[in-house]
Each structure stands twice: as C-alpha cells, then as structure tokens.
Protein backbone atom coordinates (compact mmCIF):
# COMPACT_ATOMS: atom_id res chain seq x y z
CA MET A 1 -10.94 19.40 -17.38
CA ARG A 2 -7.70 17.97 -18.24
CA VAL A 3 -8.02 15.47 -15.21
CA ARG A 4 -11.44 14.48 -16.36
CA VAL A 5 -10.64 14.05 -20.12
CA LEU A 6 -7.78 12.01 -18.85
CA LEU A 7 -9.81 9.85 -16.57
CA ALA A 8 -12.52 9.29 -19.25
CA LEU A 9 -9.88 7.71 -21.40
CA LEU A 10 -8.73 5.72 -18.71
CA VAL A 11 -12.07 4.59 -18.52
CA GLY A 12 -12.65 3.93 -22.05
CA MET A 13 -9.41 2.33 -22.52
CA LEU A 14 -10.41 -0.15 -19.60
CA LEU A 15 -14.17 -0.92 -21.00
CA TRP A 16 -13.10 -1.15 -25.24
CA GLY A 17 -9.37 -2.61 -24.95
CA ASP A 18 -6.01 -1.11 -25.68
CA ALA A 19 -7.14 1.83 -27.43
CA THR A 20 -4.02 4.03 -27.62
CA THR A 21 -0.65 2.97 -28.51
CA ALA A 22 2.29 2.49 -25.60
CA GLN A 23 3.99 6.06 -26.43
CA ASP A 24 0.92 7.60 -25.36
CA ARG A 25 0.39 6.02 -21.95
CA PRO A 26 2.09 7.33 -18.53
CA ASN A 27 5.46 6.13 -17.75
CA ILE A 28 5.48 3.98 -14.58
CA LEU A 29 8.30 3.92 -12.01
CA PHE A 30 7.40 1.45 -9.39
CA ILE A 31 9.81 1.88 -6.02
CA TYR A 32 9.58 -0.92 -3.97
CA LEU A 33 12.25 -1.45 -0.73
CA ASP A 34 12.62 -4.49 1.21
CA ASP A 35 11.96 -4.44 5.07
CA LEU A 36 11.36 -0.79 5.31
CA GLY A 37 9.12 -0.27 8.36
CA TRP A 38 5.80 1.82 8.53
CA ARG A 39 7.02 4.82 9.91
CA ASP A 40 11.25 4.57 8.65
CA THR A 41 10.34 7.89 6.46
CA GLY A 42 9.94 11.62 7.36
CA PHE A 43 6.40 11.55 5.73
CA MET A 44 5.52 8.56 8.27
CA GLY A 45 7.12 10.53 10.90
CA SER A 46 10.73 9.40 11.67
CA ASP A 47 12.55 11.41 14.04
CA PHE A 48 16.29 10.36 12.92
CA TYR A 49 16.14 8.80 9.48
CA GLU A 50 16.46 11.46 6.80
CA THR A 51 14.26 11.05 3.46
CA PRO A 52 13.55 14.41 2.09
CA HIS A 53 13.38 13.21 -1.64
CA LEU A 54 10.70 10.70 -0.66
CA ASP A 55 8.91 13.15 1.60
CA ARG A 56 8.66 15.55 -1.48
CA LEU A 57 7.27 13.28 -3.70
CA ALA A 58 4.82 11.78 -1.26
CA ALA A 59 3.69 15.54 -0.70
CA GLU A 60 3.07 15.83 -4.04
CA GLY A 61 0.89 12.88 -4.14
CA MET A 62 -1.37 11.17 -2.24
CA ILE A 63 -0.13 8.84 0.88
CA PHE A 64 -2.00 5.95 2.30
CA THR A 65 -1.45 5.39 6.30
CA SER A 66 -3.87 2.00 5.88
CA ALA A 67 -1.33 0.12 3.13
CA TYR A 68 -0.66 -3.78 3.77
CA SER A 69 1.80 -6.27 1.92
CA CYS A 70 0.06 -9.68 1.61
CA ALA A 71 2.59 -11.27 3.84
CA ALA A 72 4.73 -10.77 6.97
CA ASN A 73 8.01 -11.53 4.90
CA CYS A 74 9.61 -11.27 1.28
CA ALA A 75 9.09 -14.36 -1.05
CA PRO A 76 5.32 -14.76 -0.09
CA ALA A 77 4.74 -10.63 -0.29
CA ARG A 78 6.55 -10.62 -4.02
CA ALA A 79 4.46 -13.47 -5.20
CA SER A 80 1.36 -11.78 -4.38
CA LEU A 81 2.30 -8.51 -5.61
CA LEU A 82 3.33 -9.92 -9.24
CA SER A 83 0.63 -12.48 -9.43
CA GLY A 84 -2.14 -10.14 -8.02
CA GLN A 85 -3.11 -13.24 -5.89
CA TYR A 86 -3.16 -14.12 -2.21
CA THR A 87 -1.07 -16.53 -0.73
CA PRO A 88 -3.17 -19.64 -1.37
CA ARG A 89 -3.49 -19.39 -4.91
CA HIS A 90 0.25 -19.31 -5.50
CA ARG A 91 1.40 -21.26 -2.74
CA VAL A 92 4.48 -19.56 -2.11
CA PHE A 93 4.00 -18.87 1.93
CA ASN A 94 7.53 -18.80 3.15
CA VAL A 95 10.90 -17.84 2.14
CA GLY A 96 12.19 -21.33 1.32
CA THR A 97 9.98 -24.37 1.76
CA ARG A 98 11.62 -26.00 4.98
CA PRO A 99 10.65 -25.81 8.61
CA ARG A 100 11.66 -22.96 10.55
CA GLY A 101 12.42 -22.92 14.27
CA LYS A 102 13.28 -25.78 16.38
CA ALA A 103 11.13 -29.17 15.76
CA LYS A 104 10.69 -29.86 19.26
CA TYR A 105 9.02 -26.49 19.63
CA ARG A 106 6.77 -27.32 16.48
CA ARG A 107 3.18 -28.67 17.69
CA LEU A 108 2.17 -29.34 13.88
CA GLU A 109 3.56 -30.40 10.53
CA HIS A 110 4.33 -26.93 8.85
CA VAL A 111 2.65 -26.83 4.74
CA GLN A 112 5.72 -26.82 2.55
CA GLY A 113 4.39 -24.51 -0.17
CA THR A 114 6.98 -23.72 -3.08
CA ASP A 115 9.77 -21.20 -3.52
CA THR A 116 9.13 -20.28 -7.20
CA LEU A 117 6.31 -18.41 -8.85
CA ASP A 118 4.58 -20.77 -11.01
CA PRO A 119 6.34 -19.60 -14.87
CA LYS A 120 2.64 -20.05 -16.02
CA MET A 121 1.42 -17.23 -13.97
CA ARG A 122 0.79 -13.99 -16.18
CA THR A 123 2.32 -10.83 -14.13
CA TRP A 124 1.48 -7.36 -14.61
CA ALA A 125 4.90 -7.22 -16.33
CA HIS A 126 3.70 -9.30 -18.66
CA ARG A 127 0.47 -7.06 -19.48
CA LEU A 128 2.53 -4.22 -19.75
CA GLN A 129 5.04 -5.70 -22.02
CA ASP A 130 2.18 -7.25 -24.55
CA ALA A 131 0.77 -3.51 -24.69
CA GLY A 132 4.18 -2.15 -25.66
CA TYR A 133 5.71 -0.78 -22.51
CA ALA A 134 9.46 -1.50 -21.99
CA THR A 135 10.14 -3.16 -18.91
CA ALA A 136 12.94 -3.78 -16.31
CA LEU A 137 13.40 -5.46 -13.23
CA ILE A 138 16.29 -3.66 -11.38
CA GLY A 139 17.35 -4.94 -7.86
CA LYS A 140 15.64 -8.07 -5.92
CA TRP A 141 13.68 -10.88 -7.45
CA HIS A 142 13.64 -13.78 -5.36
CA LEU A 143 10.66 -15.90 -7.15
CA SER A 144 12.57 -17.90 -9.66
CA ASP A 145 16.18 -18.05 -11.19
CA ASP A 146 15.16 -15.40 -13.87
CA PRO A 147 12.49 -12.77 -13.96
CA CYS A 148 13.06 -12.34 -17.75
CA ALA A 149 10.44 -15.39 -17.79
CA TYR A 150 7.84 -13.00 -16.12
CA GLY A 151 7.74 -10.06 -18.42
CA PHE A 152 10.75 -8.06 -17.80
CA ASP A 153 12.90 -6.87 -20.63
CA LEU A 154 15.96 -6.25 -18.56
CA ASN A 155 17.12 -7.84 -15.39
CA VAL A 156 20.16 -5.86 -13.26
CA GLY A 157 20.52 -7.67 -10.20
CA GLY A 158 17.56 -10.28 -9.57
CA THR A 159 18.24 -13.78 -9.06
CA LYS A 160 16.29 -16.33 -6.37
CA SER A 161 18.30 -14.91 -3.81
CA GLY A 162 16.73 -12.76 -0.83
CA SER A 163 19.72 -11.30 0.24
CA PRO A 164 22.28 -8.69 -1.57
CA PRO A 165 24.78 -10.78 -3.64
CA GLY A 166 27.80 -10.61 -1.25
CA GLY A 167 26.53 -7.55 0.59
CA TYR A 168 26.09 -4.27 -0.46
CA TYR A 169 29.75 -3.93 -1.46
CA PRO A 170 31.43 -5.81 -4.58
CA PRO A 171 31.35 -8.11 -5.46
CA HIS A 172 28.08 -8.73 -6.21
CA VAL A 173 28.63 -12.47 -6.74
CA GLY A 174 26.37 -14.13 -9.51
CA ALA A 175 24.12 -10.59 -9.93
CA PRO A 176 23.47 -10.45 -13.19
CA GLY A 177 24.40 -6.91 -14.76
CA LEU A 178 26.39 -5.86 -11.73
CA LYS A 179 29.83 -7.41 -12.98
CA HIS A 180 33.13 -5.12 -12.65
CA ALA A 181 32.07 -2.79 -9.87
CA PRO A 182 34.56 -0.67 -8.27
CA GLY A 183 35.41 -1.77 -4.78
CA ASN A 184 33.92 1.41 -3.42
CA GLU A 185 30.81 1.28 -4.98
CA TYR A 186 27.24 0.74 -3.04
CA LEU A 187 24.92 -1.38 -4.26
CA THR A 188 22.07 0.89 -3.83
CA ASP A 189 23.67 3.52 -5.91
CA ARG A 190 24.29 1.35 -8.50
CA LEU A 191 20.71 0.15 -8.90
CA THR A 192 19.35 3.86 -9.09
CA GLY A 193 22.09 4.18 -11.82
CA GLU A 194 20.98 1.38 -13.77
CA ALA A 195 17.21 2.58 -13.49
CA ILE A 196 18.69 5.96 -14.84
CA ASP A 197 20.14 4.71 -17.90
CA PHE A 198 17.25 2.44 -19.05
CA VAL A 199 14.88 5.52 -18.49
CA ARG A 200 17.38 7.31 -20.67
CA ALA A 201 17.93 4.61 -23.26
CA GLN A 202 13.78 4.03 -23.49
CA ARG A 203 12.81 8.25 -23.23
CA ASP A 204 10.98 7.80 -26.62
CA GLN A 205 8.57 5.07 -25.76
CA ALA A 206 6.07 4.27 -22.70
CA TRP A 207 8.82 2.04 -19.84
CA MET A 208 8.02 0.49 -16.91
CA VAL A 209 10.60 0.59 -14.16
CA TYR A 210 10.37 -1.98 -11.21
CA LEU A 211 12.90 -0.62 -9.07
CA SER A 212 13.14 -3.57 -6.26
CA HIS A 213 15.77 -2.13 -4.23
CA PHE A 214 17.81 -5.13 -1.77
CA ALA A 215 17.66 -2.02 0.78
CA VAL A 216 17.03 -1.99 3.75
CA HIS A 217 17.50 -5.91 4.17
CA THR A 218 20.28 -7.58 6.31
CA PRO A 219 23.20 -7.58 6.61
CA LEU A 220 23.16 -3.89 7.88
CA ASP A 221 25.82 -2.68 5.85
CA ALA A 222 25.98 1.10 6.39
CA LYS A 223 27.11 3.19 3.38
CA GLN A 224 30.47 4.35 4.93
CA GLN A 225 30.24 8.09 3.99
CA LEU A 226 27.41 8.72 5.70
CA VAL A 227 28.31 6.81 9.06
CA GLN A 228 29.75 9.77 10.39
CA LYS A 229 27.14 11.91 10.21
CA TYR A 230 24.50 9.65 11.69
CA ARG A 231 27.23 8.86 14.74
CA GLN A 232 26.87 12.83 15.33
CA LYS A 233 23.23 12.78 15.22
CA PRO A 234 20.83 12.84 18.05
CA ALA A 235 19.01 9.74 18.46
CA GLY A 236 15.30 10.16 18.27
CA LYS A 237 12.63 8.57 20.82
CA LEU A 238 11.54 6.06 17.78
CA HIS A 239 14.78 5.56 16.20
CA HIS A 240 18.38 5.63 16.40
CA HIS A 241 19.92 2.73 14.37
CA VAL A 242 23.16 4.58 12.57
CA ALA A 243 23.47 1.43 9.75
CA MET A 244 20.05 1.42 9.02
CA ALA A 245 19.80 5.47 8.57
CA THR A 246 22.72 5.41 5.84
CA MET A 247 21.08 2.68 4.09
CA ILE A 248 17.44 4.41 3.96
CA GLN A 249 19.23 7.78 3.38
CA ALA A 250 21.17 5.79 0.21
CA VAL A 251 17.74 5.35 -1.27
CA ASP A 252 16.34 8.31 -0.69
CA ASP A 253 19.28 10.04 -2.41
CA GLY A 254 19.02 7.73 -5.30
CA VAL A 255 15.19 8.90 -5.51
CA GLY A 256 16.43 12.46 -5.74
CA ARG A 257 18.86 11.47 -8.52
CA LEU A 258 15.75 9.69 -10.23
CA ARG A 259 13.73 12.59 -9.82
CA GLN A 260 16.53 15.23 -11.31
CA GLU A 261 16.51 12.68 -14.18
CA LEU A 262 12.94 12.48 -14.97
CA GLU A 263 12.74 16.15 -14.80
CA GLU A 264 15.68 16.86 -17.34
CA LEU A 265 14.13 14.42 -19.72
CA GLY A 266 11.15 16.40 -19.54
CA LEU A 267 9.10 12.66 -17.99
CA LEU A 268 8.16 13.96 -14.60
CA LYS A 269 4.79 15.07 -15.45
CA LYS A 270 3.99 11.72 -17.60
CA THR A 271 5.40 9.29 -14.78
CA ALA A 272 3.35 7.91 -12.38
CA ILE A 273 5.49 6.82 -9.29
CA ILE A 274 4.29 4.24 -6.78
CA PHE A 275 6.68 3.71 -3.45
CA CYS A 276 5.97 1.15 -1.19
CA SER A 277 7.63 -1.91 1.12
CA ASP A 278 7.54 -5.60 0.77
CA ASN A 279 6.68 -5.81 4.59
CA GLY A 280 7.46 -4.53 7.88
CA GLY A 281 10.61 -3.78 9.67
CA PHE A 282 13.74 -5.50 10.98
CA GLY A 283 12.93 -5.68 14.60
CA PRO A 284 16.33 -5.09 15.86
CA ALA A 285 17.09 -2.24 13.99
CA THR A 286 13.84 -0.23 13.85
CA ASP A 287 10.39 0.75 15.68
CA MET A 288 6.98 0.68 13.82
CA ALA A 289 5.36 1.89 17.36
CA PRO A 290 2.59 2.52 17.72
CA LEU A 291 2.15 -0.63 16.05
CA LYS A 292 2.63 -4.06 17.33
CA GLY A 293 5.25 -6.71 15.62
CA TYR A 294 7.82 -6.30 12.99
CA LYS A 295 8.79 -8.14 9.86
CA GLY A 296 7.60 -11.71 10.57
CA THR A 297 4.95 -11.12 12.85
CA TYR A 298 1.46 -10.73 11.45
CA TYR A 299 0.27 -7.83 14.07
CA GLU A 300 0.33 -4.85 12.15
CA GLY A 301 4.11 -3.76 12.45
CA GLY A 302 4.62 -6.80 10.28
CA ILE A 303 2.24 -6.19 7.50
CA ARG A 304 1.48 -2.45 7.43
CA ILE A 305 3.73 -0.82 5.24
CA PRO A 306 4.53 3.12 3.59
CA PHE A 307 2.93 3.80 0.35
CA PHE A 308 2.27 6.60 -1.71
CA VAL A 309 1.35 7.81 -5.66
CA ARG A 310 2.43 10.55 -7.44
CA TRP A 311 0.69 11.05 -10.46
CA PRO A 312 0.29 14.58 -11.80
CA GLU A 313 -2.89 15.60 -13.42
CA VAL A 314 -4.79 12.32 -11.85
CA VAL A 315 -3.49 12.43 -8.13
CA ALA A 316 -4.43 15.59 -6.17
CA SER A 317 -0.97 16.35 -4.01
CA GLY A 318 -1.01 17.00 -0.28
CA THR A 319 -3.89 14.43 -0.23
CA ARG A 320 -4.06 11.11 2.33
CA SER A 321 -6.15 7.95 2.41
CA ASP A 322 -6.70 5.94 5.31
CA GLU A 323 -8.84 3.10 3.13
CA PRO A 324 -6.84 -0.18 3.45
CA ILE A 325 -5.16 -1.14 0.85
CA THR A 326 -3.15 -4.44 0.09
CA GLY A 327 -0.50 -5.83 -2.45
CA VAL A 328 -2.70 -8.02 -4.20
CA ASP A 329 -4.33 -4.73 -5.49
CA LEU A 330 -1.22 -3.19 -7.35
CA TYR A 331 -1.83 -5.63 -10.37
CA PRO A 332 -5.22 -3.98 -11.23
CA THR A 333 -3.81 -0.83 -10.64
CA LEU A 334 -0.88 -1.05 -12.71
CA CYS A 335 -2.87 -2.17 -15.68
CA ALA A 336 -5.62 0.79 -15.04
CA ILE A 337 -2.95 3.31 -15.25
CA ALA A 338 -1.28 2.01 -18.39
CA GLY A 339 -5.08 1.54 -19.34
CA ILE A 340 -4.77 -2.07 -20.58
CA ARG A 341 -7.51 -5.11 -20.01
CA LEU A 342 -6.66 -7.54 -17.23
CA PRO A 343 -6.08 -11.22 -18.11
CA PRO A 344 -8.92 -12.79 -18.55
CA GLU A 345 -7.55 -16.36 -17.92
CA GLN A 346 -5.78 -15.58 -14.35
CA THR A 347 -8.13 -14.99 -11.16
CA LEU A 348 -7.00 -11.59 -9.41
CA ASP A 349 -7.85 -10.95 -5.93
CA GLY A 350 -7.66 -7.35 -5.44
CA GLU A 351 -9.28 -3.92 -6.49
CA SER A 352 -8.03 -1.33 -8.82
CA LEU A 353 -7.05 1.61 -6.49
CA LEU A 354 -7.53 4.06 -9.30
CA PRO A 355 -10.58 5.23 -7.72
CA LEU A 356 -8.94 6.16 -4.69
CA PHE A 357 -6.35 8.02 -6.72
CA GLN A 358 -8.97 10.61 -8.10
CA GLY A 359 -10.36 10.97 -4.53
CA ARG A 360 -13.41 8.68 -5.10
CA GLN A 361 -14.42 6.47 -2.13
CA ARG A 362 -14.99 3.09 -2.29
CA SER A 363 -18.67 2.31 -3.08
CA GLY A 364 -20.22 -1.14 -2.15
CA PRO A 365 -19.82 -3.18 1.17
CA THR A 366 -16.81 -3.12 3.13
CA ARG A 367 -14.48 -5.45 1.96
CA ALA A 368 -11.98 -7.62 3.38
CA LEU A 369 -8.39 -8.14 3.83
CA PHE A 370 -6.78 -11.72 4.39
CA TRP A 371 -3.39 -13.20 5.37
CA HIS A 372 -2.71 -16.62 5.42
CA PHE A 373 0.79 -18.38 6.68
CA PRO A 374 0.75 -21.93 7.49
CA CYS A 375 4.24 -22.43 8.38
CA TYR A 376 6.48 -21.34 11.38
CA LEU A 377 8.94 -18.42 11.29
CA GLN A 378 11.34 -18.45 14.21
CA SER A 379 12.03 -15.37 16.59
CA TYR A 380 15.29 -13.49 16.43
CA ALA A 381 17.85 -14.98 18.50
CA VAL A 382 17.96 -12.23 20.98
CA TRP A 383 15.32 -9.84 20.40
CA GLY A 384 11.78 -9.16 20.94
CA GLU A 385 8.70 -11.13 21.58
CA GLN A 386 5.25 -11.03 20.64
CA ARG A 387 2.96 -14.09 21.18
CA ASP A 388 5.65 -16.16 22.52
CA PRO A 389 9.39 -15.41 22.41
CA LEU A 390 10.21 -18.88 20.30
CA PHE A 391 8.67 -18.00 16.87
CA ARG A 392 7.51 -14.70 15.36
CA THR A 393 4.66 -16.39 13.94
CA ARG A 394 3.27 -20.03 14.04
CA PRO A 395 0.55 -21.00 11.57
CA CYS A 396 -2.20 -18.66 11.49
CA SER A 397 -4.73 -16.98 9.23
CA VAL A 398 -5.74 -12.90 9.68
CA VAL A 399 -8.70 -11.21 8.45
CA ARG A 400 -9.59 -7.04 8.62
CA VAL A 401 -13.00 -5.90 7.90
CA GLY A 402 -13.09 -2.34 8.44
CA ASP A 403 -11.79 -1.34 11.85
CA TRP A 404 -11.94 -4.67 13.05
CA LYS A 405 -9.01 -7.50 12.78
CA LEU A 406 -9.17 -11.02 13.64
CA HIS A 407 -5.78 -13.69 14.12
CA GLU A 408 -6.84 -17.07 14.26
CA PHE A 409 -3.87 -19.51 15.39
CA PHE A 410 -4.21 -23.21 14.21
CA GLU A 411 -1.98 -24.97 16.80
CA ASP A 412 -4.59 -24.10 19.79
CA GLY A 413 -7.16 -22.97 17.90
CA ALA A 414 -6.81 -19.53 19.92
CA VAL A 415 -8.55 -16.24 18.15
CA GLU A 416 -7.65 -12.43 18.73
CA LEU A 417 -9.87 -9.75 18.04
CA TYR A 418 -8.67 -6.25 17.82
CA ASN A 419 -10.24 -2.73 17.02
CA LEU A 420 -7.66 -1.00 15.09
CA ARG A 421 -9.21 2.61 14.67
CA GLU A 422 -9.09 2.61 18.79
CA ASP A 423 -6.45 0.21 19.06
CA ILE A 424 -3.92 0.17 16.47
CA GLY A 425 -1.12 -1.44 18.87
CA GLU A 426 -3.39 -4.56 19.07
CA THR A 427 -2.92 -4.29 22.54
CA THR A 428 -6.36 -5.33 24.03
CA ASP A 429 -8.18 -8.51 22.90
CA LEU A 430 -11.99 -7.68 22.41
CA GLN A 431 -13.37 -11.15 21.69
CA SER A 432 -14.98 -11.61 24.89
CA ARG A 433 -16.73 -8.52 25.00
CA PHE A 434 -17.90 -8.53 21.38
CA PRO A 435 -18.26 -12.38 20.53
CA ALA A 436 -20.66 -12.08 17.65
CA LYS A 437 -18.10 -9.81 15.89
CA ARG A 438 -15.60 -12.32 16.54
CA ASP A 439 -17.75 -15.16 15.04
CA GLU A 440 -18.74 -12.99 12.14
CA LEU A 441 -15.21 -12.64 10.97
CA LEU A 442 -14.12 -16.21 12.02
CA ASP A 443 -16.98 -17.49 9.85
CA ARG A 444 -15.64 -14.85 7.18
CA LEU A 445 -12.11 -15.82 7.48
CA ARG A 446 -12.66 -19.58 7.18
CA GLY A 447 -15.23 -18.99 4.01
CA TRP A 448 -12.34 -17.52 2.44
CA ARG A 449 -10.18 -20.28 3.26
CA GLN A 450 -12.55 -22.96 2.01
CA GLU A 451 -12.78 -20.94 -1.37
CA LEU A 452 -9.58 -20.72 -2.05
CA ASP A 453 -8.75 -24.28 -1.17
CA ALA A 454 -6.17 -22.95 1.56
CA PRO A 455 -4.06 -25.78 3.25
CA VAL A 456 -4.51 -25.82 6.94
CA PRO A 457 -1.39 -27.59 8.78
CA ARG A 458 -3.79 -30.46 10.99
CA LYS A 459 -1.07 -33.31 11.13
CA GLU A 460 1.06 -33.32 14.83
CA ASN A 461 4.69 -33.08 14.58
CA SER A 462 5.85 -35.89 16.27
CA LYS A 463 9.16 -34.65 17.04
CA TYR A 464 7.29 -31.87 19.25
CA ASP A 465 7.87 -31.74 23.04
CA ALA A 466 5.47 -29.82 25.21
CA ALA A 467 7.89 -30.00 28.22
CA ALA A 468 10.86 -28.72 26.18
CA GLU A 469 8.79 -25.71 24.85
CA ALA A 470 7.44 -24.60 27.82
CA ALA A 471 11.22 -24.46 29.36
CA ALA A 472 12.42 -22.73 26.41
CA ILE A 473 9.64 -19.72 26.85
CA LEU A 474 10.23 -19.43 30.26
CA LYS A 475 13.81 -19.33 30.22
CA LYS A 476 13.99 -16.69 27.30
CA ARG A 477 11.13 -14.32 29.28
CA GLN A 478 13.15 -14.49 32.28
CA ARG A 479 16.37 -12.73 30.53
C-alpha cells in the first residue's frame, strides 16, 4: 500500500508540477565510476575484485544487465549524462578536439566537435537545485572549468581534467577543495569523506550527491595498504590485476562508509542510490568477457556498464532487468525520483526508468539506442585489437534495437550486424544471412543521424598513406 501511495504521489507531481517541498522528497546518491568494466564487481561476476558493499546494495535493489553508456570514453559519456542528449546534439564527441592517432593512418578528416558542455545547457543538477535540493559534485567533472555553473552548490575536485589531479596521492594539483592533504591520503578515500561531510551538513533537507570518482581511471595507482592482500590472492580466470583490485576495493570500502553514515543519520530508507560507470573497462587491466572490446570501442565491452538502483519501498530488492537502458535515461529518471518537471525548453533523448524501477515492462514499440562517434581513437600501444590494431575506434555510428545491433563505419562503408541475445560477444556478423534486418537498422540509424543533424566525416585526409597503413597493420598482427 505504501508503495502504491508513493507512486501515485510521484505521478501526480510529474503531471501537476512541483507539488511538495524539497524536504519531502528522497535524497539522491549517484555514484559514478570511471572506466569500471561491465564485470568488475562481484554482483556482475568478478572472480578477483572484491566489492561486498556494492554487492549488498545491488542485492537490495534492481540490477540492470543491459545498461549502456552513451559513449565509449569519458567526456562524451558525461556530456550525454548531464544534458540528457545524444552526442550529435551537444557535440562533445571525444576527449579533446584534436585528431587522435597518426595522420597517415586516418583516411578521413575527423570531426572536431567541442570539449566543453554548452553553459546554456540545463542539466538535471539545475532542475534539482531549482527545486530546493542541495547539490554537490564530488570528484571528476571533465566538461568545463567549473561545475558550479551547471547546477552544483559545491564542487570538490572537479575541473576540466579527465585524470586524477597529480595521481591518487597528494598533492592534488589544482583540484578545488583538496588542498592540504596528508601525504598518505588516497584520493578515493578523501572523496568519500567529502561526500559524507556534505550529507551530514545537509541532513535536514533534501540533497543530491554526484559522487563522480576518478577511480578506476589511469594512472593505475594502487592503494598501498591493499597491495599485499591481492598479491597473495590467487588470480581469477577473468581478473587478476593487483593495482586495479586495490582501486576497486577503495571505492567499495568508501561505499560501505557512506552506507553506515546514512544508517546512523536515519537517511538510508529515504535515499535513492544509483550506481554505474561512464564506459567500459581499461583493456590492459581488466576483462569484460564474454563481451568483445573495452574502453574506446563501440563493441559491447566498450559501452555496456554495470548498473543498479536501490530505492526502498519503490524498487523491489533482489530484482534484475535485461531491458536495454542508456545514459540519456538518467536525466528524466532523476527528475522523476525527485518529482519535478522536465525542462520544457530542452530536448531530451532518454526515457524515465521509473516504470522499470517499479517492476513494470516498457509499453509501446521497441525503442532504438544510438551511438555516434565521428572521430578516431588510437589503439593502446602494445595491447589488444578489435577491427584493426591501429585504432580502438574509427569514425562510426551504432544502433541497437531489441536483440539486434548494427555498426556502420564511415571510412569504407562497412557494416556489421549482430544478434546480442544469441551472440553477446559479437563474434558472428549476420548481415549476409539477414539482409532485410541489416537494411532496416541501417535506415533507422541514418534517419536518426539526419534528424539530429549528426556530422559525418566525408573529406579525405590529405596526409593519409594507404601503403603505410597496410604495413603498420601487418606488422602489429605479426607480433
């Protein structure tokens, strides 16, 4: 009965406006990790990394097994998350705007895009702030010089930098709110402590904490107190990287501290907790198997992410959903959690996940999820290969509709078609067996690009050298 009353109240607020005070609304703790792979937690099947606190929260809520980032690397994923828009709308396509990889291997001129989220953009943090929430960005920002202009009352650690300032140990150069740190202070622990301080200070009003950890982004800077533990632990078949294990445990230990604080303050039942990553895992240090790919690729390993929500009396514990969801869905979802209107002046590309949280199935036609990357992203120096060993990603677009996923590559017009239900590892290209499905998805993808005026690179790169490219590919494959 209490669940039905709460749901009715939420629906009423969405239909009729901001009908309650901020004090009546749930708090929101949004834990966002950097480069955590799809299988890098216990609840997603890691056999080496230890995440008991995350596993407990996940078990008390709903785990989404087909959750996606809107991009395969940091900045565009975060821009989509904060704006609620796919990359062609905000034009943050890559980390930075310069061409990536050697010019002689790039057949097309890349699309430059921008490296700053438009300050006129109304983020979900703005909406929560306007509704009376106290809002904090703690950790990585990466979208401008100062997140406070985007709806945050407090900024601790957020700058335009995509990497931890000076590494995970002091000094945290140029990071707001992180000066005067003791020499042995681990950055992940400090950010958790800052989140706890904010929650304590705002205990008597509604608050939203966007705890955007730098972990587990490079440098792979181990928490020294944990190194010996993982050196002595037998390697798993899936995971075995010692430094990564310590970094993941540091996050998880912090989650345990946060949970304890919320319990002691009497706020745990009143807090909606969302957990996910910004993209796939860092290839040289982790493994997303059976998924193909890793951070920077648009195969499943680069864009599928761990995700759960815990929200007592709304989300049933011990539940799972295989419904495909994506980063742009978080904007309408956070507004729905808070019971506030969506911005009428801004186009949003996602859908509220509230019905799924409530255990209801999506109604209507199967929706499409889209990705657009009109740029280049060079491969790791000595590790890994996907479509070719020189680039993790060349200019491309991708669409998923139901079980089907299609890649379109702009350099040569190549297309790949996979059925993810039967082949989650994207091992067998099915376009020759299902040409009608290929054409259907290709038409849908191209129609979406046209609707959003998505830039597609067409101009040939004058520095491209086909012979040099072929020789480099052959050399790498012979190693």
